[in-house]
Protein backbone atom coordinates (compact mmCIF):
# COMPACT_ATOMS: atom_id res chain seq x y z
CA MET A 1 0.00 0.00 0.00
CA GLY A 2 1.22 3.48 -0.87
CA ARG A 3 1.78 6.37 1.49
CA THR A 4 0.26 9.78 1.98
CA ILE A 5 2.31 12.97 2.00
CA ALA A 6 2.05 13.18 5.79
CA GLU A 7 3.23 9.59 6.17
CA LYS A 8 6.14 10.19 3.80
CA ILE A 9 7.33 13.32 5.61
CA LEU A 10 7.15 11.87 9.10
CA SER A 11 8.66 8.56 8.01
CA ALA A 12 11.63 10.40 6.55
CA ARG A 13 12.11 12.62 9.62
CA LEU A 14 11.90 9.65 12.01
CA GLY A 15 14.04 7.34 9.89
CA ARG A 16 11.45 4.57 9.95
CA PRO A 17 8.12 3.89 8.24
CA VAL A 18 5.06 5.23 10.04
CA ARG A 19 1.37 5.03 9.24
CA ALA A 20 -1.68 7.12 10.05
CA GLY A 21 -2.86 6.61 13.61
CA GLU A 22 0.59 6.06 15.12
CA TYR A 23 1.82 8.36 17.89
CA VAL A 24 5.29 9.74 17.34
CA VAL A 25 7.76 12.24 18.71
CA ALA A 26 9.05 14.08 15.65
CA PRO A 27 12.06 16.40 15.43
CA VAL A 28 11.13 19.98 14.55
CA ASP A 29 12.92 21.87 11.79
CA LEU A 30 11.39 25.29 12.44
CA ALA A 31 9.22 26.85 15.15
CA TYR A 32 7.76 30.33 15.27
CA SER A 33 5.31 32.45 17.21
CA HIS A 34 3.82 35.93 17.04
CA ASP A 35 2.86 38.87 19.18
CA ALA A 36 -0.77 37.87 19.79
CA ASN A 37 -0.10 34.65 21.70
CA ARG A 38 -1.26 34.63 25.31
CA PRO A 39 0.48 33.43 27.33
CA LEU A 40 3.71 33.99 25.42
CA PRO A 41 5.33 30.59 24.77
CA MET A 42 8.72 31.80 25.98
CA SER A 43 7.20 32.77 29.33
CA LEU A 44 6.42 29.07 29.87
CA LEU A 45 9.97 27.90 29.25
CA GLY A 46 10.97 28.31 32.89
CA ASP A 47 8.02 26.18 33.97
CA LEU A 48 9.55 23.38 31.89
CA GLY A 49 12.95 23.81 33.50
CA ALA A 50 14.53 25.32 30.39
CA GLU A 51 16.41 28.60 30.26
CA ARG A 52 17.32 28.57 26.57
CA VAL A 53 15.58 27.78 23.29
CA TRP A 54 16.79 24.40 22.06
CA ASP A 55 18.17 25.93 18.85
CA PRO A 56 17.92 29.72 18.34
CA ALA A 57 18.49 29.30 14.60
CA ARG A 58 15.30 27.27 14.36
CA TYR A 59 12.96 29.62 16.20
CA VAL A 60 11.60 32.85 14.76
CA LEU A 61 9.48 35.64 16.25
CA CYS A 62 7.07 37.55 14.01
CA LEU A 63 5.46 40.81 15.14
CA ASP A 64 2.59 40.67 12.67
CA HIS A 65 -0.71 40.63 14.54
CA TYR A 66 -0.42 44.10 16.09
CA PRO A 67 1.25 46.34 13.49
CA SER A 68 -0.54 49.38 15.00
CA PRO A 69 0.28 48.86 18.68
CA THR A 70 -1.39 50.34 21.71
CA ASP A 71 0.71 51.19 24.75
CA ALA A 72 0.18 47.68 26.13
CA VAL A 73 1.13 46.06 22.83
CA ALA A 74 4.23 48.25 22.53
CA LYS A 75 5.35 46.94 25.92
CA ALA A 76 4.75 43.36 24.77
CA HIS A 77 6.77 44.04 21.61
CA HIS A 78 9.58 45.38 23.79
CA THR A 79 9.52 42.17 25.84
CA LEU A 80 9.63 40.01 22.71
CA ARG A 81 12.52 41.94 21.19
CA ALA A 82 14.47 41.70 24.46
CA PHE A 83 13.89 37.95 24.62
CA ALA A 84 15.02 37.54 21.04
CA GLU A 85 18.20 39.52 21.65
CA ALA A 86 19.03 37.54 24.76
CA GLN A 87 18.40 34.20 23.04
CA GLY A 88 19.88 35.04 19.65
CA VAL A 89 16.53 34.52 17.95
CA ARG A 90 15.60 36.19 14.66
CA VAL A 91 12.76 38.72 14.68
CA PHE A 92 10.63 39.83 11.75
CA ASP A 93 9.51 43.13 13.19
CA VAL A 94 6.44 45.28 12.60
CA GLY A 95 5.87 45.86 8.89
CA ALA A 96 7.80 42.81 7.67
CA GLY A 97 4.53 41.01 7.08
CA ILE A 98 2.58 37.92 8.09
CA SER A 99 4.64 35.05 9.46
CA HIS A 100 3.36 32.36 7.07
CA ILE A 101 4.14 34.56 4.07
CA VAL A 102 7.44 36.03 5.27
CA LEU A 103 9.09 32.75 6.30
CA ALA A 104 8.28 31.22 2.92
CA GLU A 105 9.61 34.26 1.06
CA HIS A 106 12.87 34.04 2.98
CA GLY A 107 13.47 30.40 2.05
CA MET A 108 13.11 29.18 5.62
CA VAL A 109 10.69 26.33 4.83
CA GLY A 110 10.98 23.51 2.32
CA PRO A 111 9.73 20.02 1.42
CA GLY A 112 9.92 17.48 4.20
CA ASP A 113 10.31 20.00 7.01
CA VAL A 114 8.36 19.70 10.25
CA VAL A 115 7.16 23.20 11.15
CA ILE A 116 5.35 23.98 14.41
CA ALA A 117 3.98 27.39 15.33
CA SER A 118 1.48 29.01 17.65
CA ASP A 119 -0.91 30.05 14.89
CA SER A 120 -3.67 27.93 13.43
CA HIS A 121 -2.87 29.01 9.87
CA THR A 122 0.62 27.53 10.01
CA CYS A 123 -0.86 24.90 7.68
CA THR A 124 -0.27 27.47 4.90
CA LEU A 125 3.29 26.16 4.59
CA GLY A 126 1.99 22.75 3.55
CA ALA A 127 1.98 24.27 0.06
CA LEU A 128 5.78 23.96 0.20
CA GLY A 129 5.63 20.31 1.22
CA ALA A 130 6.18 20.90 4.93
CA PHE A 131 4.32 19.11 7.70
CA ALA A 132 3.24 22.45 9.13
CA THR A 133 0.67 22.79 11.88
CA GLY A 134 -0.39 25.12 14.66
CA VAL A 135 -0.34 24.36 18.38
CA GLY A 136 -1.09 26.17 21.63
CA SER A 137 1.44 28.14 23.64
CA SER A 138 2.18 25.33 26.09
CA ASP A 139 2.87 22.83 23.29
CA LEU A 140 5.09 25.34 21.53
CA ALA A 141 6.97 25.97 24.78
CA ALA A 142 7.70 22.24 24.94
CA VAL A 143 9.01 22.41 21.38
CA LEU A 144 11.24 25.37 22.29
CA ALA A 145 12.63 23.38 25.20
CA THR A 146 13.13 20.05 23.43
CA GLY A 147 13.13 20.57 19.68
CA ALA A 148 10.51 17.88 19.21
CA ILE A 149 6.72 17.53 18.98
CA TRP A 150 4.46 14.70 20.15
CA LEU A 151 1.66 14.01 17.69
CA ARG A 152 -0.50 11.43 15.98
CA VAL A 153 0.19 10.76 12.32
CA PRO A 154 -2.99 12.10 10.71
CA ASP A 155 -5.34 10.30 8.39
CA THR A 156 -5.71 11.98 4.99
CA LEU A 157 -8.62 13.42 3.06
CA ARG A 158 -7.73 13.71 -0.63
CA ILE A 159 -9.66 16.34 -2.57
CA THR A 160 -9.32 15.55 -6.26
CA CYS A 161 -10.26 18.25 -8.75
CA SER A 162 -11.19 17.83 -12.40
CA GLY A 163 -12.15 20.34 -15.09
CA ARG A 164 -10.63 23.81 -15.00
CA PHE A 165 -10.83 27.13 -13.20
CA GLY A 166 -12.97 29.48 -15.28
CA ALA A 167 -12.52 33.23 -15.62
CA GLY A 168 -13.00 34.87 -12.23
CA VAL A 169 -12.89 31.53 -10.38
CA THR A 170 -9.94 31.02 -8.04
CA ALA A 171 -8.51 28.83 -5.32
CA LYS A 172 -10.43 30.90 -2.77
CA ASP A 173 -13.71 29.96 -4.42
CA LEU A 174 -12.66 26.31 -4.29
CA THR A 175 -11.92 26.51 -0.57
CA LEU A 176 -15.33 28.02 0.14
CA GLU A 177 -17.01 25.28 -1.88
CA ILE A 178 -15.10 22.66 0.11
CA ALA A 179 -16.21 24.34 3.35
CA ARG A 180 -19.82 24.13 2.20
CA ARG A 181 -19.48 20.46 1.30
CA ILE A 182 -17.62 18.99 4.23
CA GLY A 183 -18.32 21.50 7.01
CA ALA A 184 -16.10 23.05 9.65
CA ASP A 185 -15.24 19.66 11.15
CA GLY A 186 -15.15 17.58 7.97
CA ALA A 187 -11.40 17.05 8.16
CA THR A 188 -10.74 17.24 11.91
CA TYR A 189 -7.19 16.05 12.67
CA LYS A 190 -6.72 14.93 9.10
CA ALA A 191 -4.23 16.04 6.51
CA ILE A 192 -5.77 17.37 3.32
CA GLU A 193 -4.16 16.56 -0.01
CA TYR A 194 -5.31 18.63 -2.97
CA ALA A 195 -4.87 16.54 -6.12
CA GLY A 196 -5.75 16.49 -9.80
CA GLU A 197 -4.46 18.20 -12.92
CA PRO A 198 -6.03 21.61 -12.12
CA ILE A 199 -4.05 21.73 -8.87
CA ARG A 200 -0.83 20.84 -10.69
CA SER A 201 -1.31 23.86 -12.96
CA LEU A 202 -2.00 26.38 -10.17
CA PRO A 203 0.63 29.04 -9.39
CA MET A 204 2.08 29.03 -5.90
CA ASP A 205 0.16 32.07 -4.65
CA GLN A 206 -3.11 30.18 -5.14
CA ARG A 207 -1.70 26.96 -3.69
CA PHE A 208 -0.89 28.87 -0.50
CA THR A 209 -4.56 29.92 -0.35
CA LEU A 210 -5.66 26.29 -0.51
CA SER A 211 -3.28 25.12 2.21
CA ASN A 212 -4.11 28.11 4.39
CA MET A 213 -7.82 27.27 4.53
CA ALA A 214 -7.27 23.63 5.57
CA ILE A 215 -7.72 24.54 9.23
CA GLU A 216 -11.18 25.95 8.45
CA PHE A 217 -12.28 22.35 7.86
CA GLY A 218 -10.52 21.17 11.05
CA ALA A 219 -7.46 19.77 9.26
CA LYS A 220 -4.03 19.34 10.78
CA CYS A 221 -2.16 20.06 7.53
CA GLY A 222 -2.96 21.11 3.98
CA PHE A 223 -0.79 19.80 1.14
CA THR A 224 -0.88 20.83 -2.51
CA GLY A 225 2.00 18.53 -3.40
CA VAL A 226 5.55 19.37 -4.42
CA ASP A 227 6.17 19.44 -8.17
CA ALA A 228 8.22 21.44 -10.67
CA ILE A 229 6.20 24.61 -9.98
CA THR A 230 6.89 24.29 -6.24
CA LEU A 231 10.58 23.58 -6.72
CA ASP A 232 11.00 26.52 -9.11
CA TRP A 233 9.31 28.83 -6.60
CA LEU A 234 11.53 27.57 -3.79
CA ALA A 235 14.68 28.05 -5.88
CA ALA A 236 13.62 31.63 -6.66
CA HIS A 237 13.30 32.23 -2.91
CA GLY A 238 16.65 30.83 -1.84
CA ARG A 239 15.72 27.19 -1.25
CA SER A 240 17.26 25.13 -4.05
CA GLY A 241 17.19 21.37 -4.35
CA GLY A 242 14.52 18.99 -3.17
CA GLU A 243 12.38 16.43 -4.91
CA GLU A 244 8.76 16.09 -5.95
CA LEU A 245 6.48 14.98 -3.13
CA LEU A 246 3.00 13.68 -3.90
CA GLY A 247 0.66 11.23 -2.21
CA ASP A 248 0.68 7.76 -3.75
CA ALA A 249 -2.34 6.80 -5.83
CA ASP A 250 -2.90 3.66 -3.74
CA ALA A 251 -2.50 5.33 -0.32
CA ASP A 252 -5.23 4.78 2.25
CA VAL A 253 -7.23 8.02 2.06
CA GLU A 254 -10.76 9.34 2.09
CA HIS A 255 -11.87 10.89 -1.19
CA VAL A 256 -13.80 14.00 -2.22
CA ALA A 257 -14.19 14.84 -5.92
CA ILE A 258 -14.86 18.37 -7.21
CA ASP A 259 -15.68 19.34 -10.79
CA LEU A 260 -14.24 22.81 -11.32
CA ASP A 261 -16.25 23.29 -14.50
CA ALA A 262 -19.31 23.69 -12.26
CA LEU A 263 -17.61 26.04 -9.78
CA GLU A 264 -18.62 29.72 -9.72
CA PRO A 265 -17.26 32.70 -7.81
CA THR A 266 -18.34 31.91 -4.26
CA VAL A 267 -19.14 33.92 -1.14
CA ALA A 268 -19.56 32.78 2.48
CA ALA A 269 -22.25 34.48 4.55
CA PRO A 270 -21.94 35.27 8.28
CA HIS A 271 -20.75 33.81 10.52
CA SER A 272 -18.85 30.83 9.10
CA PRO A 273 -16.95 29.84 5.94
CA VAL A 274 -19.35 26.91 5.57
CA HIS A 275 -22.24 29.27 4.71
CA SER A 276 -21.09 29.43 1.09
CA ARG A 277 -22.97 29.75 -2.17
CA PRO A 278 -22.47 31.44 -5.58
CA ALA A 279 -21.68 35.15 -5.44
CA GLY A 280 -24.60 35.97 -7.73
CA THR A 281 -27.06 34.82 -5.09
CA PHE A 282 -25.89 37.68 -2.83
CA ALA A 283 -26.50 40.43 -5.41
CA ASP A 284 -28.97 42.24 -3.14
CA VAL A 285 -26.43 42.57 -0.28
CA ALA A 286 -24.98 46.10 -0.05
CA VAL A 287 -21.48 46.44 1.40
CA ASP A 288 -20.05 49.21 3.57
CA GLN A 289 -16.48 47.97 3.69
CA VAL A 290 -14.25 45.74 1.58
CA VAL A 291 -10.96 44.24 2.78
CA ILE A 292 -8.36 42.66 0.48
CA GLY A 293 -5.35 41.02 2.12
CA THR A 294 -4.61 38.64 5.05
CA CYS A 295 -2.51 35.46 5.02
CA ASN A 296 -5.14 33.89 2.77
CA ASN A 297 -5.21 36.46 -0.02
CA GLY A 298 -2.49 39.05 0.56
CA ARG A 299 0.00 37.89 -2.08
CA LEU A 300 1.05 39.48 -5.35
CA ASP A 301 -1.37 37.47 -7.52
CA ASP A 302 -4.22 38.58 -5.24
CA LEU A 303 -3.29 42.24 -5.53
CA ALA A 304 -2.76 41.87 -9.27
CA VAL A 305 -6.28 40.57 -9.96
CA ALA A 306 -7.76 43.28 -7.75
CA ALA A 307 -5.75 45.91 -9.65
CA ARG A 308 -6.92 44.50 -12.97
CA ILE A 309 -10.53 45.11 -11.95
CA LEU A 310 -9.96 48.43 -10.18
CA ARG A 311 -7.60 50.09 -12.66
CA GLY A 312 -9.10 53.28 -14.07
CA ARG A 313 -12.21 53.00 -11.89
CA ARG A 314 -13.32 54.32 -8.49
CA VAL A 315 -14.91 52.51 -5.58
CA ALA A 316 -18.62 53.15 -5.09
CA PRO A 317 -19.64 56.16 -2.98
CA GLY A 318 -19.90 55.22 0.68
CA VAL A 319 -17.71 52.11 0.35
CA ARG A 320 -14.41 51.90 2.24
CA LEU A 321 -11.77 49.74 0.55
CA TYR A 322 -8.88 48.58 2.75
CA VAL A 323 -6.00 46.70 1.15
CA THR A 324 -3.08 45.15 3.03
CA PRO A 325 -0.15 43.43 1.29
CA GLY A 326 0.86 40.29 3.15
CA SER A 327 4.51 41.31 3.37
CA ARG A 328 6.86 44.19 2.71
CA LYS A 329 8.27 42.22 -0.23
CA THR A 330 4.80 41.82 -1.70
CA MET A 331 4.14 45.54 -1.23
CA ALA A 332 7.36 46.41 -3.06
CA GLU A 333 6.53 44.05 -5.92
CA ALA A 334 3.01 45.46 -6.18
CA MET A 335 4.46 48.97 -6.34
CA GLU A 336 6.92 47.97 -9.05
CA SER A 337 4.27 46.20 -11.14
CA GLY A 338 1.84 49.10 -10.93
CA ALA A 339 -0.78 47.06 -9.10
CA LEU A 340 -0.56 49.12 -5.94
CA GLY A 341 -0.86 52.35 -7.89
CA ALA A 342 -4.03 51.11 -9.59
CA ILE A 343 -5.49 50.10 -6.25
CA LEU A 344 -4.65 53.46 -4.68
CA GLY A 345 -6.04 55.26 -7.70
CA ALA A 346 -9.36 53.52 -7.18
CA GLY A 347 -9.63 55.03 -3.71
CA ALA A 348 -8.22 52.30 -1.47
CA THR A 349 -6.49 52.81 1.87
CA ILE A 350 -3.31 50.75 2.27
CA GLY A 351 -2.43 49.05 5.54
CA THR A 352 0.85 48.08 7.15
CA PRO A 353 1.96 44.63 5.91
CA GLY A 354 0.78 42.16 8.51
CA CYS A 355 -2.56 40.97 9.85
CA SER A 356 -4.20 44.38 9.42
CA GLY A 357 -7.83 44.00 8.42
CA CYS A 358 -8.07 40.37 9.57
CA VAL A 359 -8.33 40.55 13.36
CA GLY A 360 -9.68 43.37 15.47
CA GLY A 361 -6.54 43.49 17.58
CA CYS A 362 -4.77 45.16 14.67
CA HIS A 363 -6.86 48.30 15.36
CA TRP A 364 -7.35 48.84 11.63
CA ALA A 365 -10.42 48.56 9.38
CA ILE A 366 -12.68 47.81 12.35
CA PRO A 367 -16.32 48.11 11.21
CA ALA A 368 -19.12 49.95 12.98
CA ASP A 369 -22.31 48.38 14.35
CA GLY A 370 -24.47 47.14 11.51
CA ASP A 371 -21.75 47.41 8.87
CA VAL A 372 -21.53 44.77 6.15
CA VAL A 373 -17.94 43.76 5.40
CA LEU A 374 -16.79 41.73 2.42
CA THR A 375 -13.31 40.38 3.08
CA THR A 376 -10.75 38.03 1.55
CA ALA A 377 -9.86 36.70 5.01
CA ASN A 378 -10.17 33.04 5.91
CA ARG A 379 -12.62 33.57 8.78
CA ASN A 380 -15.83 35.52 9.18
CA PHE A 381 -16.63 34.51 12.76
CA ARG A 382 -18.73 36.95 14.76
CA GLY A 383 -16.46 39.69 16.12
CA ARG A 384 -13.41 38.52 14.17
CA LEU A 385 -12.66 42.03 12.91
CA GLY A 386 -13.26 43.69 16.25
CA ASN A 387 -17.04 44.28 16.27
CA LYS A 388 -19.51 41.48 16.96
CA ASN A 389 -22.33 43.67 15.65
CA ALA A 390 -20.97 43.77 12.10
CA ALA A 391 -21.65 41.15 9.41
CA MET A 392 -18.70 39.62 7.55
CA TYR A 393 -18.80 37.85 4.20
CA LEU A 394 -15.84 35.97 2.69
CA ALA A 395 -14.83 36.14 -0.97
CA SER A 396 -11.92 36.08 -3.40
CA PRO A 397 -9.92 39.22 -4.26
CA ALA A 398 -11.67 39.35 -7.63
CA THR A 399 -15.13 39.29 -6.05
CA ALA A 400 -14.02 41.79 -3.39
CA ALA A 401 -12.68 44.25 -5.96
CA ALA A 402 -15.79 44.02 -8.15
CA SER A 403 -18.01 44.50 -5.12
CA ALA A 404 -16.06 47.59 -4.04
CA LEU A 405 -16.87 49.15 -7.41
CA THR A 406 -20.60 48.40 -7.36
CA GLY A 407 -21.29 48.75 -3.63
CA ARG A 408 -22.98 45.33 -3.61
CA ILE A 409 -21.69 41.75 -3.57
CA THR A 410 -20.88 41.23 -7.23
CA ASP A 411 -19.86 38.31 -9.44
CA PRO A 412 -16.49 39.41 -10.89
CA ARG A 413 -16.63 37.47 -14.14
CA PRO A 414 -17.88 40.36 -16.33
CA TYR A 415 -14.77 42.30 -15.26
CA LEU A 416 -12.47 39.40 -16.19
CA GLY A 417 -13.72 38.28 -19.56
CA GLY A 418 -16.27 35.77 -18.33
CA GLU A 419 -20.03 35.62 -18.04
CA ALA A 420 -21.88 35.94 -14.76
């Protein structure tokens, strides 16, 4: 019997074959945490009898969740910077961007790595072939002390796609359709493998979107497989070498099949990603605020498609458009390509690279009572953006940009050469 991607990675790291359901203690290649964790993982080190991080070169701090700090947050940032200096730990400071994006851009993650972090969207890095998953502060503290993680090898849910992505239909629309089909707990403690020819042709920016949303179905990891596209992307970001990594056809997995020919631009209604249906069915929903960015859709491809729709146009009167590049590098590339200029020209406000516009703790783009927000974030839970009395809808950057122009939730296909 063949093996899944998760089984292959953990077997290689442990030096022996393992199967789903086994409990293992796996060595960790990279750990990271951010400024929103409470309690801070490093504050728990002493409770474990450890004074030092097991390997300072393998732990990274990212100040991404609070890029617009209050006095209290500024003090926390000071504490984190002091810890990093004392331990010799690298810090990606305010404005560098979102951890899951920045670490990939800097070539710090690659195929076969075991990556553990105190953020649920760590699964994003599964797009690079890493066994990447989020844990709580106490579990991460144990990793910092020992360099290892205790876990169960997950079962795998393989989502096989056929057909093709039509104009205006993206990986984000696919994730929302999956959420509708399998629910918020449809892949609890499983690894998701995205398979099929359409996945093999996707650029990396969209693969990251797929892996990022795996946690919204309860998954432990989200893999898009490692192929020539992955390896080329890694080489361009300082991580040369590596081999293709795909799940075997005869591995023991659950199966879900999706025909992309039938997929339309999709929107999730409040207050869960599972409340998804075609964007056109929301045409009577007026929007007050549109957000484009986050670790799900804050990459260059996301900004480029938004710019394509917004270029030479203006957002609708009364609509606030907030756009946040996922990293400083992405912001620079969007400036160079002209995408950021087109977005600004349409009337957008640009946020500090980081989690701005995703969580209310960022103190940016917080809606008022009764506001309707359309966002490219991965979550639309009640109060996620800092006000439990606002309604949040999820969509792709294309749908978000089109909706900012019309002032209502809008199918983007007419703006992209397709038919609504």
